[in-house]
Amino acid sequence: MMKTVLQTVAVPVFGLIMLNAAFIFDWGYQSLLRYVILKPLMIDAMMIEGHWLPPAMHASFVVIIGLISWPILKSKLNTLIKAIYLTVPTAVVFATVGIFLYKWPVIEFTVGGIISLGVLYYLYATKKSWLYYYAICLVGAALLAVGILGIDI
């Protein structure tokens, strides 16, 4: 019983720490990309802001997180550690969907729901631990609240 309570607290607490680290990594990654891409071309970042660069940077960050996450989630690490880490790719994917589709809330929430249900079905089909469900639902609920309340990340 005590183990379950501690796990239930550990996922959001350490997941939040991991999310902060991921957003700092994203800031560093996007800053580096802007410096590497825009500086040599002598293009003002504000000039290209509404064009292809920001979506490409967000999409490439999702790919990077996916490439980092795959071996971690497939590893022999403790289930609790993997559930805590699962908050990162989940939040990155949901936030990116929100960034791309914020102009169309119904589509945004529908795509987020389809992704959530797909992942939850995968967890069910592969008989994964309840901690994974908990991590997905926790992040999903938090970002759903952010979307409904119109909070900018």
N, C-alpha and C. Protein backbone atom coordinates (compact mmCIF):
# COMPACT_ATOMS: atom_id res chain seq x y z
N MET A 1 0.83 -1.20 0.00
CA MET A 1 0.00 0.00 0.00
C MET A 1 0.87 1.26 0.00
N MET A 2 1.86 1.28 0.89
CA MET A 2 2.73 2.45 0.98
C MET A 2 3.54 2.64 -0.31
N LYS A 3 3.94 1.53 -0.91
CA LYS A 3 4.67 1.59 -2.17
C LYS A 3 3.82 2.25 -3.25
N THR A 4 2.56 1.88 -3.32
CA THR A 4 1.65 2.45 -4.31
C THR A 4 1.46 3.95 -4.10
N VAL A 5 1.33 4.36 -2.86
CA VAL A 5 1.18 5.79 -2.55
C VAL A 5 2.43 6.55 -2.97
N LEU A 6 3.59 6.01 -2.64
CA LEU A 6 4.84 6.67 -3.02
C LEU A 6 5.00 6.74 -4.53
N GLN A 7 4.62 5.69 -5.24
CA GLN A 7 4.70 5.70 -6.70
C GLN A 7 3.73 6.74 -7.28
N THR A 8 2.55 6.82 -6.68
CA THR A 8 1.54 7.78 -7.15
C THR A 8 2.01 9.21 -6.97
N VAL A 9 2.81 9.46 -5.96
CA VAL A 9 3.37 10.80 -5.74
C VAL A 9 4.63 11.02 -6.59
N ALA A 10 5.42 9.97 -6.75
CA ALA A 10 6.69 10.09 -7.47
C ALA A 10 6.50 10.45 -8.94
N VAL A 11 5.50 9.90 -9.59
CA VAL A 11 5.31 10.16 -11.02
C VAL A 11 5.09 11.65 -11.29
N PRO A 12 4.15 12.34 -10.62
CA PRO A 12 4.00 13.76 -10.93
C PRO A 12 5.16 14.63 -10.43
N VAL A 13 5.72 14.30 -9.27
CA VAL A 13 6.80 15.13 -8.72
C VAL A 13 8.05 15.05 -9.60
N PHE A 14 8.51 13.84 -9.85
CA PHE A 14 9.72 13.69 -10.67
C PHE A 14 9.43 13.91 -12.15
N GLY A 15 8.18 13.64 -12.55
CA GLY A 15 7.78 13.94 -13.92
C GLY A 15 7.85 15.44 -14.20
N LEU A 16 7.45 16.25 -13.23
CA LEU A 16 7.53 17.71 -13.38
C LEU A 16 8.98 18.16 -13.50
N ILE A 17 9.86 17.55 -12.74
CA ILE A 17 11.29 17.86 -12.84
C ILE A 17 11.80 17.49 -14.23
N MET A 18 11.41 16.31 -14.70
CA MET A 18 11.82 15.87 -16.05
C MET A 18 11.25 16.81 -17.12
N LEU A 19 10.02 17.26 -16.95
CA LEU A 19 9.41 18.18 -17.92
C LEU A 19 10.15 19.51 -17.95
N ASN A 20 10.53 20.00 -16.79
CA ASN A 20 11.31 21.24 -16.76
C ASN A 20 12.64 21.06 -17.47
N ALA A 21 13.28 19.93 -17.25
CA ALA A 21 14.55 19.65 -17.94
C ALA A 21 14.32 19.56 -19.44
N ALA A 22 13.21 18.94 -19.86
CA ALA A 22 12.91 18.81 -21.29
C ALA A 22 12.65 20.18 -21.92
N PHE A 23 11.95 21.06 -21.22
CA PHE A 23 11.68 22.38 -21.78
C PHE A 23 12.95 23.23 -21.83
N ILE A 24 13.84 23.04 -20.88
CA ILE A 24 15.14 23.73 -20.95
C ILE A 24 15.95 23.18 -22.13
N PHE A 25 15.91 21.87 -22.31
CA PHE A 25 16.58 21.25 -23.46
C PHE A 25 15.99 21.78 -24.76
N ASP A 26 14.67 21.91 -24.83
CA ASP A 26 14.00 22.44 -26.01
C ASP A 26 14.44 23.88 -26.28
N TRP A 27 14.50 24.69 -25.24
CA TRP A 27 14.95 26.07 -25.40
C TRP A 27 16.38 26.10 -25.95
N GLY A 28 17.26 25.29 -25.38
CA GLY A 28 18.65 25.23 -25.85
C GLY A 28 18.74 24.74 -27.28
N TYR A 29 17.97 23.71 -27.59
CA TYR A 29 17.96 23.15 -28.94
C TYR A 29 17.47 24.17 -29.95
N GLN A 30 16.36 24.82 -29.65
CA GLN A 30 15.82 25.80 -30.59
C GLN A 30 16.71 27.04 -30.69
N SER A 31 17.32 27.44 -29.60
CA SER A 31 18.26 28.57 -29.66
C SER A 31 19.46 28.23 -30.53
N LEU A 32 19.98 27.02 -30.38
CA LEU A 32 21.11 26.58 -31.20
C LEU A 32 20.71 26.52 -32.68
N LEU A 33 19.54 25.99 -32.96
CA LEU A 33 19.07 25.94 -34.35
C LEU A 33 18.94 27.34 -34.94
N ARG A 34 18.37 28.25 -34.18
CA ARG A 34 18.22 29.62 -34.67
C ARG A 34 19.59 30.24 -34.96
N TYR A 35 20.54 29.97 -34.08
CA TYR A 35 21.89 30.53 -34.26
C TYR A 35 22.56 29.91 -35.48
N VAL A 36 22.45 28.60 -35.62
CA VAL A 36 23.11 27.89 -36.71
C VAL A 36 22.45 28.20 -38.06
N ILE A 37 21.12 28.28 -38.08
CA ILE A 37 20.41 28.49 -39.34
C ILE A 37 20.32 29.96 -39.71
N LEU A 38 19.94 30.79 -38.76
CA LEU A 38 19.66 32.19 -39.09
C LEU A 38 20.90 33.07 -39.12
N LYS A 39 21.84 32.81 -38.25
CA LYS A 39 23.04 33.66 -38.16
C LYS A 39 23.84 33.67 -39.47
N PRO A 40 24.18 32.49 -40.03
CA PRO A 40 24.96 32.52 -41.27
C PRO A 40 24.20 33.16 -42.44
N LEU A 41 22.89 33.04 -42.42
CA LEU A 41 22.10 33.60 -43.50
C LEU A 41 21.78 35.08 -43.28
N MET A 42 22.16 35.58 -42.08
CA MET A 42 21.88 36.95 -41.68
C MET A 42 20.40 37.29 -41.83
N ILE A 43 19.58 36.37 -41.39
CA ILE A 43 18.14 36.56 -41.42
C ILE A 43 17.67 36.89 -40.01
N ASP A 44 16.83 37.89 -39.92
CA ASP A 44 16.26 38.25 -38.63
C ASP A 44 15.22 37.19 -38.25
N ALA A 45 15.29 36.70 -37.03
CA ALA A 45 14.35 35.67 -36.59
C ALA A 45 12.92 36.15 -36.67
N MET A 46 12.68 37.42 -36.45
CA MET A 46 11.33 37.94 -36.51
C MET A 46 10.78 37.91 -37.94
N MET A 47 11.65 38.00 -38.92
CA MET A 47 11.23 37.99 -40.31
C MET A 47 10.68 36.62 -40.73
N ILE A 48 11.25 35.58 -40.18
CA ILE A 48 10.89 34.22 -40.60
C ILE A 48 9.92 33.56 -39.61
N GLU A 49 9.59 34.27 -38.54
CA GLU A 49 8.80 33.71 -37.45
C GLU A 49 7.48 33.08 -37.92
N GLY A 50 6.80 33.67 -38.87
CA GLY A 50 5.52 33.14 -39.28
C GLY A 50 5.60 32.12 -40.39
N HIS A 51 6.78 31.68 -40.73
CA HIS A 51 6.96 30.81 -41.88
C HIS A 51 7.26 29.37 -41.47
N TRP A 52 8.15 28.72 -42.16
CA TRP A 52 8.40 27.29 -42.01
C TRP A 52 9.28 26.93 -40.83
N LEU A 53 10.11 27.86 -40.34
CA LEU A 53 11.12 27.51 -39.34
C LEU A 53 10.53 27.06 -37.99
N PRO A 54 9.64 27.81 -37.37
CA PRO A 54 9.13 27.35 -36.07
C PRO A 54 8.45 25.98 -36.11
N PRO A 55 7.56 25.72 -37.08
CA PRO A 55 6.97 24.38 -37.10
C PRO A 55 8.02 23.28 -37.33
N ALA A 56 8.99 23.57 -38.18
CA ALA A 56 10.04 22.57 -38.44
C ALA A 56 10.86 22.31 -37.18
N MET A 57 11.13 23.36 -36.41
CA MET A 57 11.91 23.18 -35.18
C MET A 57 11.11 22.37 -34.16
N HIS A 58 9.82 22.65 -34.03
CA HIS A 58 8.99 21.88 -33.09
C HIS A 58 8.90 20.42 -33.52
N ALA A 59 8.69 20.20 -34.80
CA ALA A 59 8.60 18.83 -35.31
C ALA A 59 9.92 18.08 -35.11
N SER A 60 11.03 18.76 -35.36
CA SER A 60 12.32 18.09 -35.18
C SER A 60 12.58 17.77 -33.71
N PHE A 61 12.07 18.60 -32.81
CA PHE A 61 12.24 18.32 -31.38
C PHE A 61 11.44 17.08 -30.98
N VAL A 62 10.25 16.91 -31.55
CA VAL A 62 9.46 15.70 -31.28
C VAL A 62 10.23 14.48 -31.75
N VAL A 63 10.86 14.58 -32.90
CA VAL A 63 11.65 13.46 -33.43
C VAL A 63 12.82 13.16 -32.49
N ILE A 64 13.51 14.19 -32.03
CA ILE A 64 14.64 13.98 -31.12
C ILE A 64 14.17 13.32 -29.82
N ILE A 65 13.08 13.81 -29.25
CA ILE A 65 12.55 13.20 -28.02
C ILE A 65 12.15 11.75 -28.29
N GLY A 66 11.56 11.49 -29.45
CA GLY A 66 11.21 10.12 -29.80
C GLY A 66 12.42 9.22 -29.90
N LEU A 67 13.48 9.73 -30.51
CA LEU A 67 14.72 8.93 -30.64
C LEU A 67 15.38 8.69 -29.28
N ILE A 68 15.28 9.65 -28.39
CA ILE A 68 15.82 9.47 -27.04
C ILE A 68 14.94 8.52 -26.24
N SER A 69 13.62 8.65 -26.41
CA SER A 69 12.67 7.90 -25.60
C SER A 69 12.61 6.42 -25.95
N TRP A 70 12.75 6.11 -27.21
CA TRP A 70 12.60 4.71 -27.63
C TRP A 70 13.50 3.76 -26.84
N PRO A 71 14.82 3.99 -26.80
CA PRO A 71 15.66 3.05 -26.03
C PRO A 71 15.39 3.08 -24.53
N ILE A 72 15.02 4.25 -24.01
CA ILE A 72 14.73 4.34 -22.57
C ILE A 72 13.51 3.51 -22.23
N LEU A 73 12.45 3.67 -23.01
CA LEU A 73 11.20 2.95 -22.71
C LEU A 73 11.29 1.47 -23.04
N LYS A 74 12.20 1.07 -23.90
CA LYS A 74 12.39 -0.35 -24.22
C LYS A 74 13.41 -1.02 -23.31
N SER A 75 14.08 -0.25 -22.48
CA SER A 75 15.16 -0.78 -21.64
C SER A 75 14.62 -1.60 -20.47
N LYS A 76 15.54 -2.13 -19.71
CA LYS A 76 15.21 -2.93 -18.53
C LYS A 76 15.15 -2.07 -17.27
N LEU A 77 15.06 -0.75 -17.45
CA LEU A 77 14.95 0.14 -16.29
C LEU A 77 13.70 -0.19 -15.49
N ASN A 78 13.71 0.21 -14.25
CA ASN A 78 12.58 0.04 -13.35
C ASN A 78 11.32 0.67 -13.95
N THR A 79 10.19 0.03 -13.77
CA THR A 79 8.92 0.53 -14.32
C THR A 79 8.61 1.94 -13.83
N LEU A 80 8.87 2.23 -12.58
CA LEU A 80 8.60 3.56 -12.03
C LEU A 80 9.43 4.62 -12.76
N ILE A 81 10.69 4.32 -12.99
CA ILE A 81 11.56 5.28 -13.69
C ILE A 81 11.05 5.50 -15.12
N LYS A 82 10.65 4.44 -15.78
CA LYS A 82 10.14 4.59 -17.15
C LYS A 82 8.81 5.34 -17.16
N ALA A 83 7.96 5.13 -16.15
CA ALA A 83 6.69 5.85 -16.08
C ALA A 83 6.94 7.35 -15.83
N ILE A 84 7.90 7.65 -14.99
CA ILE A 84 8.26 9.05 -14.75
C ILE A 84 8.77 9.66 -16.05
N TYR A 85 9.65 8.95 -16.74
CA TYR A 85 10.18 9.47 -18.00
C TYR A 85 9.09 9.61 -19.06
N LEU A 86 8.10 8.73 -19.05
CA LEU A 86 7.03 8.76 -20.04
C LEU A 86 6.29 10.09 -20.06
N THR A 87 6.35 10.83 -18.96
CA THR A 87 5.71 12.15 -18.94
C THR A 87 6.33 13.08 -19.99
N VAL A 88 7.61 12.91 -20.27
CA VAL A 88 8.30 13.81 -21.21
C VAL A 88 7.80 13.62 -22.65
N PRO A 89 7.91 12.42 -23.24
CA PRO A 89 7.43 12.32 -24.62
C PRO A 89 5.93 12.58 -24.73
N THR A 90 5.18 12.22 -23.71
CA THR A 90 3.75 12.48 -23.75
C THR A 90 3.48 13.98 -23.80
N ALA A 91 4.11 14.73 -22.92
CA ALA A 91 3.90 16.18 -22.89
C ALA A 91 4.42 16.85 -24.16
N VAL A 92 5.55 16.38 -24.67
CA VAL A 92 6.10 16.97 -25.89
C VAL A 92 5.15 16.76 -27.07
N VAL A 93 4.62 15.55 -27.20
CA VAL A 93 3.70 15.28 -28.31
C VAL A 93 2.42 16.11 -28.15
N PHE A 94 1.83 16.11 -26.95
CA PHE A 94 0.59 16.87 -26.74
C PHE A 94 0.81 18.37 -26.92
N ALA A 95 1.92 18.88 -26.41
CA ALA A 95 2.20 20.31 -26.56
C ALA A 95 2.41 20.66 -28.02
N THR A 96 3.07 19.80 -28.76
CA THR A 96 3.30 20.06 -30.18
C THR A 96 1.99 20.01 -30.97
N VAL A 97 1.14 19.06 -30.65
CA VAL A 97 -0.19 19.03 -31.27
C VAL A 97 -0.92 20.33 -30.97
N GLY A 98 -0.83 20.78 -29.72
CA GLY A 98 -1.46 22.04 -29.33
C GLY A 98 -0.89 23.23 -30.07
N ILE A 99 0.42 23.24 -30.26
CA ILE A 99 1.07 24.35 -30.98
C ILE A 99 0.61 24.37 -32.44
N PHE A 100 0.56 23.21 -33.06
CA PHE A 100 0.18 23.14 -34.47
C PHE A 100 -1.31 23.40 -34.71
N LEU A 101 -2.15 23.00 -33.77
CA LEU A 101 -3.59 23.04 -34.01
C LEU A 101 -4.35 24.01 -33.10
N TYR A 102 -3.66 24.93 -32.44
CA TYR A 102 -4.33 25.81 -31.48
C TYR A 102 -5.43 26.66 -32.11
N LYS A 103 -5.37 26.90 -33.40
CA LYS A 103 -6.40 27.71 -34.06
C LYS A 103 -7.71 26.94 -34.23
N TRP A 104 -7.65 25.62 -34.12
CA TRP A 104 -8.81 24.76 -34.30
C TRP A 104 -8.97 23.86 -33.08
N PRO A 105 -9.52 24.39 -31.98
CA PRO A 105 -9.58 23.63 -30.72
C PRO A 105 -10.27 22.27 -30.84
N VAL A 106 -11.33 22.17 -31.61
CA VAL A 106 -12.03 20.89 -31.73
C VAL A 106 -11.10 19.84 -32.35
N ILE A 107 -10.38 20.24 -33.39
CA ILE A 107 -9.45 19.32 -34.04
C ILE A 107 -8.28 19.01 -33.09
N GLU A 108 -7.81 20.04 -32.39
CA GLU A 108 -6.70 19.86 -31.44
C GLU A 108 -7.06 18.83 -30.38
N PHE A 109 -8.23 18.98 -29.76
CA PHE A 109 -8.63 18.05 -28.70
C PHE A 109 -8.97 16.67 -29.27
N THR A 110 -9.49 16.62 -30.47
CA THR A 110 -9.79 15.34 -31.10
C THR A 110 -8.50 14.56 -31.39
N VAL A 111 -7.52 15.25 -31.98
CA VAL A 111 -6.23 14.59 -32.26
C VAL A 111 -5.57 14.14 -30.96
N GLY A 112 -5.59 15.00 -29.95
CA GLY A 112 -5.03 14.63 -28.65
C GLY A 112 -5.74 13.42 -28.06
N GLY A 113 -7.06 13.39 -28.18
CA GLY A 113 -7.83 12.25 -27.68
C GLY A 113 -7.51 10.97 -28.43
N ILE A 114 -7.38 11.08 -29.75
CA ILE A 114 -7.05 9.89 -30.55
C ILE A 114 -5.67 9.36 -30.17
N ILE A 115 -4.72 10.27 -30.01
CA ILE A 115 -3.37 9.85 -29.59
C ILE A 115 -3.43 9.18 -28.22
N SER A 116 -4.15 9.80 -27.28
CA SER A 116 -4.27 9.23 -25.93
C SER A 116 -4.89 7.84 -25.97
N LEU A 117 -6.00 7.72 -26.68
CA LEU A 117 -6.67 6.42 -26.75
C LEU A 117 -5.79 5.37 -27.43
N GLY A 118 -5.05 5.78 -28.45
CA GLY A 118 -4.14 4.86 -29.12
C GLY A 118 -3.04 4.36 -28.19
N VAL A 119 -2.46 5.27 -27.44
CA VAL A 119 -1.39 4.88 -26.51
C VAL A 119 -1.97 4.02 -25.38
N LEU A 120 -3.13 4.41 -24.86
CA LEU A 120 -3.74 3.62 -23.79
C LEU A 120 -4.11 2.22 -24.28
N TYR A 121 -4.59 2.12 -25.51
CA TYR A 121 -4.89 0.80 -26.07
C TYR A 121 -3.61 -0.04 -26.19
N TYR A 122 -2.54 0.60 -26.65
CA TYR A 122 -1.26 -0.11 -26.75
C TYR A 122 -0.83 -0.63 -25.38
N LEU A 123 -0.96 0.22 -24.36
CA LEU A 123 -0.58 -0.20 -23.00
C LEU A 123 -1.45 -1.37 -22.54
N TYR A 124 -2.73 -1.31 -22.86
CA TYR A 124 -3.65 -2.40 -22.50
C TYR A 124 -3.30 -3.69 -23.24
N ALA A 125 -3.06 -3.57 -24.54
CA ALA A 125 -2.78 -4.74 -25.37
C ALA A 125 -1.47 -5.41 -24.98
N THR A 126 -0.51 -4.62 -24.50
CA THR A 126 0.77 -5.19 -24.11
C THR A 126 0.87 -5.45 -22.61
N LYS A 127 -0.26 -5.25 -21.91
CA LYS A 127 -0.36 -5.53 -20.46
C LYS A 127 0.71 -4.81 -19.64
N LYS A 128 0.83 -3.53 -19.87
CA LYS A 128 1.81 -2.72 -19.14
C LYS A 128 1.29 -2.34 -17.76
N SER A 129 2.18 -1.91 -16.92
CA SER A 129 1.87 -1.51 -15.55
C SER A 129 0.91 -0.32 -15.50
N TRP A 130 0.15 -0.26 -14.43
CA TRP A 130 -0.78 0.85 -14.23
C TRP A 130 -0.05 2.18 -14.17
N LEU A 131 1.22 2.18 -13.82
CA LEU A 131 1.98 3.44 -13.73
C LEU A 131 2.07 4.15 -15.08
N TYR A 132 2.13 3.39 -16.16
CA TYR A 132 2.17 4.00 -17.49
C TYR A 132 0.84 4.68 -17.81
N TYR A 133 -0.27 4.00 -17.49
CA TYR A 133 -1.59 4.59 -17.70
C TYR A 133 -1.69 5.90 -16.90
N TYR A 134 -1.25 5.82 -15.66
CA TYR A 134 -1.31 6.96 -14.76
C TYR A 134 -0.51 8.14 -15.33
N ALA A 135 0.69 7.88 -15.81
CA ALA A 135 1.53 8.95 -16.36
C ALA A 135 0.87 9.59 -17.58
N ILE A 136 0.34 8.76 -18.48
CA ILE A 136 -0.32 9.28 -19.69
C ILE A 136 -1.55 10.10 -19.31
N CYS A 137 -2.37 9.58 -18.44
CA CYS A 137 -3.60 10.27 -18.05
C CYS A 137 -3.31 11.56 -17.28
N LEU A 138 -2.29 11.53 -16.45
CA LEU A 138 -1.92 12.72 -15.68
C LEU A 138 -1.47 13.85 -16.60
N VAL A 139 -0.58 13.54 -17.51
CA VAL A 139 -0.10 14.56 -18.46
C VAL A 139 -1.23 15.00 -19.38
N GLY A 140 -2.01 14.04 -19.86
CA GLY A 140 -3.13 14.37 -20.73
C GLY A 140 -4.12 15.30 -20.06
N ALA A 141 -4.47 15.01 -18.81
CA ALA A 141 -5.42 15.85 -18.07
C ALA A 141 -4.85 17.24 -17.83
N ALA A 142 -3.57 17.30 -17.48
CA ALA A 142 -2.93 18.61 -17.22
C ALA A 142 -2.91 19.46 -18.49
N LEU A 143 -2.53 18.86 -19.61
CA LEU A 143 -2.46 19.64 -20.85
C LEU A 143 -3.85 19.91 -21.43
N LEU A 144 -4.81 19.06 -21.14
CA LEU A 144 -6.19 19.35 -21.53
C LEU A 144 -6.68 20.59 -20.76
N ALA A 145 -6.38 20.64 -19.48
CA ALA A 145 -6.75 21.82 -18.67
C ALA A 145 -6.06 23.07 -19.20
N VAL A 146 -4.79 22.95 -19.55
CA VAL A 146 -4.06 24.09 -20.13
C VAL A 146 -4.74 24.55 -21.41
N GLY A 147 -5.13 23.61 -22.25
CA GLY A 147 -5.79 23.96 -23.52
C GLY A 147 -7.16 24.59 -23.31
N ILE A 148 -7.95 24.01 -22.42
CA ILE A 148 -9.30 24.53 -22.18
C ILE A 148 -9.25 25.92 -21.54
N LEU A 149 -8.32 26.12 -20.62
CA LEU A 149 -8.22 27.41 -19.94
C LEU A 149 -7.46 28.45 -20.76
N GLY A 150 -6.90 28.03 -21.90
CA GLY A 150 -6.21 28.98 -22.76
C GLY A 150 -4.88 29.47 -22.21
N ILE A 151 -4.24 28.65 -21.41
CA ILE A 151 -2.96 29.01 -20.81
C ILE A 151 -1.86 28.80 -21.83
N ASP A 152 -0.97 29.78 -21.99
CA ASP A 152 0.17 29.63 -22.88
C ASP A 152 1.32 29.00 -22.12
N ILE A 153 2.00 28.08 -22.78
CA ILE A 153 3.13 27.42 -22.13
C ILE A 153 4.38 28.26 -22.37
